[in-house]
Structure formats: structure tokens, C-alpha cells
Amino acid sequence: MNETILRQRRALRRAVVRSVIVVATCAFASPFAVSAQATAAPQSAGRPLLLAGAKKSGPLHEAATVGILIPLRPLERGSDFGSSFYGYRGVIVEATAGAEGFELAAGWGRRWKLPKGPALFGEDVMATAFQRRSDTSPDATYVGGEVGLTMMTFRVQVGAATRVAGAEQADRTIFTWGIGFNIGK
């Protein structure tokens, strides 16, 4: 029994370290503004964005999500599609409840929104932990990472996760995915 617990703890540590490395790499790889190119003073980030959505996902089936994007950098101004979008970059924390479990995620992301409209576009990298409960497969807890892309509120996300607790019959590593809608206000 003790050997099993030690293996699970080592697996959890490895999965957490891998997730932290992925999130840190993506946070540092995001584009930095060069001060010589700035033509006007950057606008302050303002208030956090509230995120909400619904999706069909691989591990949780039908699910509802709620989250928050806390801006840590000044707003970016973009002019794609003939409008003035503002880019919010910062930490995203998200909770998901689904038909077969729940998920908690945190990471780095960006959302583009019109000054008086919802956030329609975005991308993010998240470290995830979820508990999967099912009648057809053994209960298990997984830790992993996901990347997501939002276009006109349509959201796609993919990733992978490793089992850190639960029945030995559950898959050791699984592919995670989600397709749905996400909006920020």
C-alpha cells in the first residue's frame, strides 16, 4: 500500500512540474511590447473579464464553465477586421462542472474584445486538474495541460492528462479535448 501511495505522489509531482513548465514557457514566450514602438501611452488593464461557456468535452462530456481573466499587462490595441479591439492578457482561472466530473484550470491567456462588447477572440494555455466520475469507467483524478483557441465565441481546446489517483483500471494518460462556446464580459 505504501509503495502505491509513493508512486502516486511521485506521479503527481512530475505532472505538476510539467504543467508549471508548460505554463511558464508560454507566459514568457508571449510577445512583449517594445517601448520604442509605442505611439501612445498604454491603457491600463481595468477590471477583470468574467468568462462563461458551455462545451462538449472528452473527459467530462457535456459541461458548463465559469472563469475570470485577471489582466496583468496594459491593454493591447488591435485593428483587425476593421474595428478597434482591445487585448486583455493575464492569468485565467476557470472551473468546469460536467456530466461525469469536474475540472479546475489555471494558466495564461489573452482575450480580444470591443470597447462595449463581449470578448469574441482569444487563446490560452492552462494547467488542468480534473476528477472523472463515471458509471462506465473507474473513477480517477488527472493532472495535465491544455491549449485553447476562441474565434467568434466558438472555442476549441486540446491537451493531455496523466492519472495521479484512482483505480488502476483507469487509463494512465488520456487525450483531452473540448468544443463549445465561450464568451467574456
N, C-alpha and C. Protein backbone atom coordinates (compact mmCIF):
# COMPACT_ATOMS: atom_id res chain seq x y z
N MET A 1 0.83 -1.20 0.00
CA MET A 1 0.00 0.00 0.00
C MET A 1 0.87 1.26 0.00
N ASN A 2 1.93 1.27 0.83
CA ASN A 2 2.79 2.45 0.90
C ASN A 2 3.50 2.70 -0.43
N GLU A 3 3.88 1.64 -1.12
CA GLU A 3 4.54 1.80 -2.42
C GLU A 3 3.60 2.44 -3.43
N THR A 4 2.33 2.06 -3.38
CA THR A 4 1.34 2.65 -4.28
C THR A 4 1.18 4.14 -4.01
N ILE A 5 1.11 4.52 -2.75
CA ILE A 5 0.99 5.93 -2.39
C ILE A 5 2.22 6.71 -2.83
N LEU A 6 3.39 6.15 -2.64
CA LEU A 6 4.63 6.82 -3.06
C LEU A 6 4.66 7.01 -4.57
N ARG A 7 4.24 5.99 -5.33
CA ARG A 7 4.20 6.12 -6.79
C ARG A 7 3.21 7.20 -7.22
N GLN A 8 2.06 7.26 -6.57
CA GLN A 8 1.08 8.28 -6.90
C GLN A 8 1.60 9.68 -6.58
N ARG A 9 2.29 9.83 -5.47
CA ARG A 9 2.85 11.14 -5.12
C ARG A 9 3.92 11.56 -6.11
N ARG A 10 4.79 10.63 -6.51
CA ARG A 10 5.82 10.94 -7.50
C ARG A 10 5.19 11.32 -8.83
N ALA A 11 4.14 10.61 -9.23
CA ALA A 11 3.45 10.92 -10.49
C ALA A 11 2.80 12.30 -10.41
N LEU A 12 2.19 12.62 -9.28
CA LEU A 12 1.57 13.93 -9.11
C LEU A 12 2.62 15.03 -9.19
N ARG A 13 3.76 14.85 -8.52
CA ARG A 13 4.83 15.85 -8.57
C ARG A 13 5.32 16.04 -10.00
N ARG A 14 5.55 14.93 -10.74
CA ARG A 14 6.01 15.04 -12.12
C ARG A 14 4.99 15.78 -12.98
N ALA A 15 3.72 15.45 -12.82
CA ALA A 15 2.68 16.09 -13.62
C ALA A 15 2.56 17.58 -13.30
N VAL A 16 2.65 17.95 -12.03
CA VAL A 16 2.58 19.35 -11.65
C VAL A 16 3.78 20.11 -12.20
N VAL A 17 4.97 19.54 -12.10
CA VAL A 17 6.17 20.20 -12.61
C VAL A 17 6.06 20.39 -14.12
N ARG A 18 5.60 19.37 -14.84
CA ARG A 18 5.43 19.50 -16.30
C ARG A 18 4.43 20.60 -16.64
N SER A 19 3.32 20.65 -15.91
CA SER A 19 2.31 21.67 -16.18
C SER A 19 2.84 23.07 -15.91
N VAL A 20 3.59 23.23 -14.83
CA VAL A 20 4.17 24.54 -14.50
C VAL A 20 5.16 24.95 -15.58
N ILE A 21 5.96 24.02 -16.06
CA ILE A 21 6.92 24.33 -17.12
C ILE A 21 6.22 24.78 -18.38
N VAL A 22 5.14 24.08 -18.77
CA VAL A 22 4.39 24.46 -19.97
C VAL A 22 3.79 25.85 -19.82
N VAL A 23 3.15 26.13 -18.69
CA VAL A 23 2.52 27.43 -18.48
C VAL A 23 3.57 28.54 -18.44
N ALA A 24 4.69 28.31 -17.75
CA ALA A 24 5.75 29.33 -17.67
C ALA A 24 6.37 29.59 -19.04
N THR A 25 6.60 28.54 -19.80
CA THR A 25 7.17 28.72 -21.14
C THR A 25 6.25 29.55 -22.02
N CYS A 26 4.97 29.26 -21.99
CA CYS A 26 4.03 30.02 -22.81
C CYS A 26 3.89 31.46 -22.32
N ALA A 27 3.95 31.68 -21.01
CA ALA A 27 3.85 33.04 -20.49
C ALA A 27 5.04 33.88 -20.93
N PHE A 28 6.23 33.30 -20.88
CA PHE A 28 7.43 34.04 -21.28
C PHE A 28 7.57 34.14 -22.79
N ALA A 29 6.95 33.24 -23.52
CA ALA A 29 7.04 33.27 -24.98
C ALA A 29 6.03 34.22 -25.61
N SER A 30 5.08 34.72 -24.83
CA SER A 30 4.10 35.65 -25.40
C SER A 30 4.81 36.93 -25.80
N PRO A 31 4.32 37.60 -26.83
CA PRO A 31 5.02 38.79 -27.33
C PRO A 31 5.07 39.91 -26.30
N PHE A 32 6.24 40.53 -26.21
CA PHE A 32 6.43 41.67 -25.31
C PHE A 32 6.41 42.95 -26.14
N ALA A 33 5.80 43.99 -25.61
CA ALA A 33 5.77 45.28 -26.31
C ALA A 33 7.15 45.93 -26.22
N VAL A 34 7.58 46.49 -27.32
CA VAL A 34 8.85 47.21 -27.36
C VAL A 34 8.52 48.67 -27.15
N SER A 35 9.13 49.29 -26.14
CA SER A 35 8.75 50.66 -25.78
C SER A 35 9.06 51.65 -26.89
N ALA A 36 10.05 51.41 -27.75
CA ALA A 36 10.37 52.33 -28.83
C ALA A 36 9.26 52.36 -29.88
N GLN A 37 8.43 51.32 -29.95
CA GLN A 37 7.37 51.27 -30.94
C GLN A 37 6.07 51.86 -30.44
N ALA A 38 5.98 52.15 -29.17
CA ALA A 38 4.73 52.67 -28.62
C ALA A 38 4.50 54.09 -29.13
N THR A 39 3.30 54.34 -29.66
CA THR A 39 2.97 55.67 -30.17
C THR A 39 2.13 56.45 -29.17
N ALA A 40 1.49 55.77 -28.25
CA ALA A 40 0.70 56.43 -27.22
C ALA A 40 0.84 55.67 -25.92
N ALA A 41 0.52 56.32 -24.84
CA ALA A 41 0.60 55.65 -23.54
C ALA A 41 -0.38 54.49 -23.51
N PRO A 42 0.06 53.31 -23.03
CA PRO A 42 -0.86 52.17 -23.00
C PRO A 42 -1.99 52.40 -22.00
N GLN A 43 -3.14 51.88 -22.36
CA GLN A 43 -4.30 51.99 -21.49
C GLN A 43 -4.17 50.97 -20.37
N SER A 44 -4.58 51.35 -19.16
CA SER A 44 -4.48 50.41 -18.04
C SER A 44 -5.44 49.24 -18.27
N ALA A 45 -5.15 48.13 -17.61
CA ALA A 45 -5.91 46.91 -17.84
C ALA A 45 -7.35 46.99 -17.36
N GLY A 46 -7.63 47.78 -16.35
CA GLY A 46 -9.01 47.89 -15.89
C GLY A 46 -9.45 46.68 -15.10
N ARG A 47 -10.72 46.39 -15.19
CA ARG A 47 -11.30 45.32 -14.40
C ARG A 47 -11.08 43.96 -15.05
N PRO A 48 -11.19 42.90 -14.27
CA PRO A 48 -11.07 41.54 -14.83
C PRO A 48 -12.25 41.22 -15.74
N LEU A 49 -12.04 40.28 -16.66
CA LEU A 49 -13.10 39.81 -17.53
C LEU A 49 -13.73 38.55 -16.93
N LEU A 50 -15.03 38.50 -16.90
CA LEU A 50 -15.73 37.29 -16.48
C LEU A 50 -15.94 36.43 -17.72
N LEU A 51 -15.65 35.14 -17.61
CA LEU A 51 -15.76 34.20 -18.72
C LEU A 51 -16.82 33.16 -18.40
N ALA A 52 -17.61 32.80 -19.39
CA ALA A 52 -18.63 31.77 -19.21
C ALA A 52 -18.76 30.99 -20.51
N GLY A 53 -19.15 29.72 -20.40
CA GLY A 53 -19.30 28.94 -21.62
C GLY A 53 -19.93 27.59 -21.37
N ALA A 54 -20.10 26.88 -22.46
CA ALA A 54 -20.63 25.52 -22.45
C ALA A 54 -19.85 24.73 -23.49
N LYS A 55 -19.61 23.44 -23.21
CA LYS A 55 -18.82 22.64 -24.15
C LYS A 55 -19.17 21.17 -24.06
N LYS A 56 -18.78 20.47 -25.09
CA LYS A 56 -18.79 19.01 -25.14
C LYS A 56 -17.32 18.63 -25.06
N SER A 57 -16.94 17.87 -24.04
CA SER A 57 -15.52 17.57 -23.86
C SER A 57 -15.28 16.07 -23.76
N GLY A 58 -14.02 15.71 -24.01
CA GLY A 58 -13.63 14.30 -23.97
C GLY A 58 -13.80 13.68 -22.60
N PRO A 59 -13.20 14.24 -21.56
CA PRO A 59 -13.31 13.56 -20.27
C PRO A 59 -14.60 13.81 -19.51
N LEU A 60 -15.25 14.96 -19.69
CA LEU A 60 -16.40 15.31 -18.85
C LEU A 60 -17.74 15.30 -19.57
N HIS A 61 -17.74 15.05 -20.87
CA HIS A 61 -18.95 15.08 -21.70
C HIS A 61 -19.55 16.49 -21.70
N GLU A 62 -20.85 16.67 -21.50
CA GLU A 62 -21.44 17.99 -21.51
C GLU A 62 -21.00 18.73 -20.24
N ALA A 63 -20.58 20.00 -20.41
CA ALA A 63 -20.06 20.73 -19.26
C ALA A 63 -20.33 22.22 -19.39
N ALA A 64 -20.42 22.89 -18.24
CA ALA A 64 -20.55 24.34 -18.17
C ALA A 64 -19.30 24.89 -17.50
N THR A 65 -18.81 26.02 -18.01
CA THR A 65 -17.58 26.61 -17.47
C THR A 65 -17.85 28.04 -17.00
N VAL A 66 -17.13 28.44 -15.96
CA VAL A 66 -17.14 29.81 -15.48
C VAL A 66 -15.72 30.13 -15.05
N GLY A 67 -15.29 31.35 -15.36
CA GLY A 67 -13.92 31.72 -15.04
C GLY A 67 -13.72 33.21 -14.99
N ILE A 68 -12.46 33.60 -14.79
CA ILE A 68 -12.10 35.00 -14.73
C ILE A 68 -10.72 35.18 -15.34
N LEU A 69 -10.54 36.25 -16.10
CA LEU A 69 -9.23 36.62 -16.63
C LEU A 69 -8.81 37.88 -15.89
N ILE A 70 -7.71 37.78 -15.15
CA ILE A 70 -7.19 38.91 -14.38
C ILE A 70 -6.06 39.53 -15.20
N PRO A 71 -6.27 40.72 -15.78
CA PRO A 71 -5.24 41.32 -16.63
C PRO A 71 -4.02 41.73 -15.82
N LEU A 72 -2.84 41.34 -16.30
CA LEU A 72 -1.59 41.68 -15.63
C LEU A 72 -0.72 42.62 -16.46
N ARG A 73 -1.13 42.90 -17.67
CA ARG A 73 -0.38 43.79 -18.56
C ARG A 73 -1.32 44.87 -19.08
N PRO A 74 -0.74 45.99 -19.56
CA PRO A 74 -1.61 47.02 -20.16
C PRO A 74 -2.35 46.46 -21.37
N LEU A 75 -3.50 47.07 -21.67
CA LEU A 75 -4.29 46.62 -22.80
C LEU A 75 -3.53 46.82 -24.11
N GLU A 76 -3.67 45.84 -25.02
CA GLU A 76 -3.12 45.97 -26.37
C GLU A 76 -4.24 46.51 -27.25
N ARG A 77 -3.88 47.33 -28.18
CA ARG A 77 -4.88 47.83 -29.13
C ARG A 77 -4.64 47.18 -30.47
N GLY A 78 -5.66 46.57 -31.03
CA GLY A 78 -5.57 45.92 -32.33
C GLY A 78 -6.62 46.49 -33.26
N SER A 79 -6.41 46.36 -34.55
CA SER A 79 -7.38 46.89 -35.51
C SER A 79 -7.76 45.84 -36.54
N ASP A 80 -7.80 44.61 -36.14
CA ASP A 80 -8.22 43.54 -37.05
C ASP A 80 -9.70 43.66 -37.38
N PHE A 81 -10.07 43.24 -38.56
CA PHE A 81 -11.45 43.20 -39.01
C PHE A 81 -12.11 44.58 -39.04
N GLY A 82 -11.32 45.65 -39.16
CA GLY A 82 -11.87 46.98 -39.30
C GLY A 82 -12.44 47.59 -38.03
N SER A 83 -12.21 47.00 -36.87
CA SER A 83 -12.71 47.54 -35.61
C SER A 83 -11.56 47.70 -34.63
N SER A 84 -11.81 48.42 -33.58
CA SER A 84 -10.79 48.63 -32.56
C SER A 84 -10.99 47.64 -31.42
N PHE A 85 -10.24 46.57 -31.43
CA PHE A 85 -10.28 45.57 -30.37
C PHE A 85 -9.23 45.90 -29.31
N TYR A 86 -9.52 45.49 -28.08
CA TYR A 86 -8.54 45.60 -27.00
C TYR A 86 -8.17 44.20 -26.55
N GLY A 87 -6.87 43.97 -26.35
CA GLY A 87 -6.40 42.67 -25.92
C GLY A 87 -6.10 42.66 -24.43
N TYR A 88 -6.78 41.80 -23.70
CA TYR A 88 -6.56 41.61 -22.27
C TYR A 88 -5.64 40.40 -22.10
N ARG A 89 -4.47 40.58 -21.48
CA ARG A 89 -3.54 39.47 -21.24
C ARG A 89 -3.34 39.30 -19.75
N GLY A 90 -3.40 38.06 -19.29
CA GLY A 90 -3.19 37.82 -17.87
C GLY A 90 -3.49 36.39 -17.47
N VAL A 91 -3.74 36.23 -16.19
CA VAL A 91 -3.98 34.92 -15.59
C VAL A 91 -5.46 34.56 -15.72
N ILE A 92 -5.72 33.33 -16.15
CA ILE A 92 -7.09 32.83 -16.25
C ILE A 92 -7.26 31.71 -15.21
N VAL A 93 -8.34 31.79 -14.46
CA VAL A 93 -8.72 30.74 -13.52
C VAL A 93 -10.12 30.31 -13.93
N GLU A 94 -10.33 29.00 -14.08
CA GLU A 94 -11.59 28.50 -14.62
C GLU A 94 -12.03 27.25 -13.87
N ALA A 95 -13.34 27.12 -13.67
CA ALA A 95 -13.94 25.92 -13.07
C ALA A 95 -14.98 25.37 -14.04
N THR A 96 -15.00 24.04 -14.15
CA THR A 96 -15.92 23.37 -15.07
C THR A 96 -16.65 22.26 -14.33
N ALA A 97 -17.95 22.18 -14.53
CA ALA A 97 -18.75 21.09 -13.99
C ALA A 97 -19.40 20.38 -15.16
N GLY A 98 -19.21 19.06 -15.20
CA GLY A 98 -19.74 18.29 -16.31
C GLY A 98 -20.57 17.11 -15.87
N ALA A 99 -21.07 16.39 -16.85
CA ALA A 99 -21.91 15.23 -16.58
C ALA A 99 -21.14 14.12 -15.89
N GLU A 100 -19.82 14.05 -16.10
CA GLU A 100 -19.03 12.98 -15.50
C GLU A 100 -17.86 13.49 -14.67
N GLY A 101 -18.01 14.63 -13.99
CA GLY A 101 -16.96 15.10 -13.11
C GLY A 101 -16.83 16.61 -13.13
N PHE A 102 -15.70 17.07 -12.60
CA PHE A 102 -15.44 18.50 -12.56
C PHE A 102 -13.96 18.75 -12.83
N GLU A 103 -13.65 20.02 -13.18
CA GLU A 103 -12.29 20.37 -13.57
C GLU A 103 -11.95 21.76 -13.03
N LEU A 104 -10.71 21.94 -12.62
CA LEU A 104 -10.17 23.24 -12.25
C LEU A 104 -8.97 23.50 -13.15
N ALA A 105 -8.86 24.73 -13.65
CA ALA A 105 -7.77 25.07 -14.56
C ALA A 105 -7.26 26.46 -14.25
N ALA A 106 -5.97 26.67 -14.47
CA ALA A 106 -5.35 27.99 -14.30
C ALA A 106 -4.23 28.10 -15.32
N GLY A 107 -4.03 29.30 -15.84
CA GLY A 107 -2.97 29.49 -16.81
C GLY A 107 -2.89 30.90 -17.31
N TRP A 108 -2.28 31.07 -18.46
CA TRP A 108 -2.03 32.36 -19.08
C TRP A 108 -2.86 32.45 -20.35
N GLY A 109 -3.50 33.61 -20.57
CA GLY A 109 -4.30 33.74 -21.77
C GLY A 109 -4.50 35.16 -22.19
N ARG A 110 -5.15 35.30 -23.33
CA ARG A 110 -5.46 36.61 -23.88
C ARG A 110 -6.86 36.55 -24.49
N ARG A 111 -7.63 37.62 -24.33
CA ARG A 111 -8.94 37.75 -24.94
C ARG A 111 -9.02 39.11 -25.62
N TRP A 112 -9.61 39.12 -26.81
CA TRP A 112 -9.80 40.35 -27.58
C TRP A 112 -11.26 40.73 -27.51
N LYS A 113 -11.53 42.00 -27.18
CA LYS A 113 -12.92 42.45 -27.09
C LYS A 113 -13.05 43.87 -27.57
N LEU A 114 -14.26 44.20 -28.07
CA LEU A 114 -14.60 45.56 -28.44
C LEU A 114 -14.81 46.38 -27.17
N PRO A 115 -14.64 47.70 -27.22
CA PRO A 115 -14.80 48.50 -26.01
C PRO A 115 -16.14 48.29 -25.30
N LYS A 116 -17.22 48.13 -26.04
CA LYS A 116 -18.53 47.96 -25.40
C LYS A 116 -19.17 46.61 -25.68
N GLY A 117 -18.40 45.66 -26.15
CA GLY A 117 -18.96 44.36 -26.49
C GLY A 117 -18.30 43.23 -25.72
N PRO A 118 -18.70 42.01 -26.00
CA PRO A 118 -18.10 40.85 -25.33
C PRO A 118 -16.75 40.47 -25.96
N ALA A 119 -16.00 39.65 -25.25
CA ALA A 119 -14.75 39.11 -25.78
C ALA A 119 -15.08 38.01 -26.78
N LEU A 120 -14.65 38.20 -28.02
CA LEU A 120 -15.00 37.27 -29.09
C LEU A 120 -13.86 36.36 -29.50
N PHE A 121 -12.62 36.77 -29.29
CA PHE A 121 -11.45 36.02 -29.73
C PHE A 121 -10.51 35.81 -28.55
N GLY A 122 -9.67 34.77 -28.63
CA GLY A 122 -8.69 34.57 -27.57
C GLY A 122 -7.91 33.29 -27.73
N GLU A 123 -6.87 33.18 -26.92
CA GLU A 123 -6.08 31.97 -26.85
C GLU A 123 -5.55 31.84 -25.42
N ASP A 124 -5.26 30.61 -25.02
CA ASP A 124 -4.75 30.39 -23.67
C ASP A 124 -4.01 29.06 -23.56
N VAL A 125 -3.22 28.96 -22.50
CA VAL A 125 -2.52 27.73 -22.11
C VAL A 125 -2.83 27.52 -20.64
N MET A 126 -3.37 26.33 -20.32
CA MET A 126 -3.85 26.08 -18.97
C MET A 126 -3.28 24.78 -18.39
N ALA A 127 -2.98 24.82 -17.10
CA ALA A 127 -2.70 23.61 -16.34
C ALA A 127 -4.04 23.16 -15.76
N THR A 128 -4.38 21.89 -15.91
CA THR A 128 -5.69 21.41 -15.50
C THR A 128 -5.58 20.26 -14.50
N ALA A 129 -6.61 20.16 -13.67
CA ALA A 129 -6.77 19.02 -12.77
C ALA A 129 -8.25 18.69 -12.78
N PHE A 130 -8.58 17.44 -13.02
CA PHE A 130 -10.00 17.08 -13.01
C PHE A 130 -10.24 15.72 -12.42
N GLN A 131 -11.42 15.59 -11.85
CA GLN A 131 -11.89 14.33 -11.28
C GLN A 131 -12.95 13.80 -12.21
N ARG A 132 -12.76 12.58 -12.65
CA ARG A 132 -13.68 11.94 -13.58
C ARG A 132 -14.46 10.86 -12.84
N ARG A 133 -15.77 10.99 -12.86
CA ARG A 133 -16.64 10.01 -12.22
C ARG A 133 -17.60 9.49 -13.27
N SER A 134 -17.62 8.18 -13.42
CA SER A 134 -18.42 7.61 -14.49
C SER A 134 -18.98 6.26 -14.06
N ASP A 135 -20.13 5.93 -14.61
CA ASP A 135 -20.71 4.61 -14.37
C ASP A 135 -20.03 3.56 -15.24
N THR A 136 -19.49 3.97 -16.37
CA THR A 136 -18.92 3.02 -17.32
C THR A 136 -17.42 2.81 -17.16
N SER A 137 -16.70 3.75 -16.54
CA SER A 137 -15.26 3.59 -16.33
C SER A 137 -14.92 3.92 -14.88
N PRO A 138 -13.78 3.44 -14.38
CA PRO A 138 -13.42 3.67 -12.97
C PRO A 138 -13.18 5.16 -12.70
N ASP A 139 -13.50 5.60 -11.47
CA ASP A 139 -13.24 6.97 -11.06
C ASP A 139 -11.73 7.20 -11.00
N ALA A 140 -11.30 8.41 -11.43
CA ALA A 140 -9.88 8.72 -11.42
C ALA A 140 -9.69 10.23 -11.39
N THR A 141 -8.51 10.65 -10.90
CA THR A 141 -8.12 12.06 -10.88
C THR A 141 -6.94 12.23 -11.82
N TYR A 142 -7.00 13.27 -12.67
CA TYR A 142 -5.97 13.51 -13.67
C TYR A 142 -5.42 14.92 -13.54
N VAL A 143 -4.15 15.10 -13.92
CA VAL A 143 -3.50 16.40 -13.98
C VAL A 143 -2.85 16.50 -15.34
N GLY A 144 -2.97 17.67 -15.98
CA GLY A 144 -2.38 17.82 -17.31
C GLY A 144 -2.36 19.26 -17.77
N GLY A 145 -2.33 19.43 -19.07
CA GLY A 145 -2.30 20.76 -19.66
C GLY A 145 -3.14 20.80 -20.92
N GLU A 146 -3.64 22.01 -21.26
CA GLU A 146 -4.45 22.20 -22.45
C GLU A 146 -4.12 23.55 -23.09
N VAL A 147 -4.32 23.62 -24.38
CA VAL A 147 -4.26 24.89 -25.10
C VAL A 147 -5.64 25.10 -25.71
N GLY A 148 -6.07 26.37 -25.77
CA GLY A 148 -7.38 26.67 -26.29
C GLY A 148 -7.36 27.86 -27.24
N LEU A 149 -8.31 27.88 -28.15
CA LEU A 149 -8.45 28.95 -29.12
C LEU A 149 -9.94 29.29 -29.22
N THR A 150 -10.25 30.59 -29.14
CA THR A 150 -11.62 31.07 -29.25
C THR A 150 -11.72 31.99 -30.46
N MET A 151 -12.65 31.69 -31.38
CA MET A 151 -12.89 32.51 -32.57
C MET A 151 -14.39 32.77 -32.67
N MET A 152 -14.77 34.05 -32.57
CA MET A 152 -16.19 34.44 -32.64
C MET A 152 -17.02 33.63 -31.63
N THR A 153 -16.54 33.51 -30.44
CA THR A 153 -17.11 32.79 -29.30
C THR A 153 -17.06 31.26 -29.44
N PHE A 154 -16.72 30.72 -30.60
CA PHE A 154 -16.58 29.27 -30.77
C PHE A 154 -15.22 28.86 -30.21
N ARG A 155 -15.18 27.88 -29.31
CA ARG A 155 -13.95 27.52 -28.60
C ARG A 155 -13.57 26.07 -28.87
N VAL A 156 -12.27 25.87 -29.12
CA VAL A 156 -11.70 24.54 -29.30
C VAL A 156 -10.51 24.44 -28.35
N GLN A 157 -10.39 23.32 -27.64
CA GLN A 157 -9.25 23.11 -26.77
C GLN A 157 -8.80 21.66 -26.84
N VAL A 158 -7.49 21.44 -26.74
CA VAL A 158 -6.91 20.10 -26.76
C VAL A 158 -5.81 20.03 -25.72
N GLY A 159 -5.53 18.81 -25.26
CA GLY A 159 -4.47 18.63 -24.28
C GLY A 159 -4.29 17.16 -23.93
N ALA A 160 -3.53 16.95 -22.88
CA ALA A 160 -3.28 15.59 -22.39
C ALA A 160 -3.21 15.65 -20.86
N ALA A 161 -3.54 14.54 -20.22
CA ALA A 161 -3.52 14.47 -18.77
C ALA A 161 -3.05 13.09 -18.32
N THR A 162 -2.45 13.06 -17.13
CA THR A 162 -1.93 11.83 -16.54
C THR A 162 -2.71 11.53 -15.26
N ARG A 163 -3.04 10.25 -15.09
CA ARG A 163 -3.76 9.83 -13.87
C ARG A 163 -2.82 9.93 -12.67
N VAL A 164 -3.29 10.60 -11.60
CA VAL A 164 -2.50 10.71 -10.38
C VAL A 164 -3.15 10.00 -9.21
N ALA A 165 -4.42 9.65 -9.33
CA ALA A 165 -5.11 8.91 -8.28
C ALA A 165 -6.29 8.18 -8.90
N GLY A 166 -6.71 7.13 -8.25
CA GLY A 166 -7.87 6.39 -8.74
C GLY A 166 -7.52 4.96 -9.05
N ALA A 167 -8.48 4.28 -9.62
CA ALA A 167 -8.36 2.85 -9.91
C ALA A 167 -7.28 2.58 -10.95
N GLU A 168 -6.58 1.50 -10.77
CA GLU A 168 -5.53 1.10 -11.71
C GLU A 168 -6.10 0.75 -13.08
N GLN A 169 -7.40 0.42 -13.15
CA GLN A 169 -8.01 0.08 -14.43
C GLN A 169 -8.22 1.31 -15.31
N ALA A 170 -8.22 2.51 -14.71
CA ALA A 170 -8.40 3.74 -15.49
C ALA A 170 -7.16 3.97 -16.35
N ASP A 171 -7.37 4.61 -17.49
CA ASP A 171 -6.25 4.90 -18.39
C ASP A 171 -5.19 5.74 -17.68
N ARG A 172 -3.92 5.43 -17.95
CA ARG A 172 -2.82 6.15 -17.32
C ARG A 172 -2.69 7.57 -17.88
N THR A 173 -2.69 7.71 -19.17
CA THR A 173 -2.61 9.01 -19.84
C THR A 173 -3.77 9.10 -20.82
N ILE A 174 -4.43 10.24 -20.83
CA ILE A 174 -5.56 10.42 -21.73
C ILE A 174 -5.41 11.70 -22.54
N PHE A 175 -6.05 11.72 -23.69
CA PHE A 175 -6.14 12.89 -24.55
C PHE A 175 -7.38 13.66 -24.13
N THR A 176 -7.26 14.97 -23.90
CA THR A 176 -8.42 15.78 -23.52
C THR A 176 -8.76 16.73 -24.66
N TRP A 177 -10.03 17.04 -24.79
CA TRP A 177 -10.48 17.95 -25.84
C TRP A 177 -11.80 18.58 -25.43
N GLY A 178 -12.13 19.67 -26.08
CA GLY A 178 -13.40 20.33 -25.82
C GLY A 178 -13.79 21.18 -27.02
N ILE A 179 -15.08 21.19 -27.34
CA ILE A 179 -15.64 22.02 -28.40
C ILE A 179 -16.89 22.67 -27.82
N GLY A 180 -16.97 23.99 -27.95
CA GLY A 180 -18.14 24.66 -27.41
C GLY A 180 -18.11 26.15 -27.65
N PHE A 181 -18.74 26.89 -26.74
CA PHE A 181 -18.83 28.33 -26.85
C PHE A 181 -18.33 28.96 -25.59
N ASN A 182 -17.62 30.11 -25.72
CA ASN A 182 -17.07 30.82 -24.58
C ASN A 182 -17.18 32.30 -24.85
N ILE A 183 -17.62 33.05 -23.87
CA ILE A 183 -17.78 34.49 -24.03
C ILE A 183 -17.23 35.19 -22.79
N GLY A 184 -16.68 36.35 -22.96
CA GLY A 184 -16.14 37.12 -21.85
C GLY A 184 -16.78 38.50 -21.81
N LYS A 185 -17.05 38.99 -20.63
CA LYS A 185 -17.67 40.31 -20.50
C LYS A 185 -17.05 41.06 -19.35
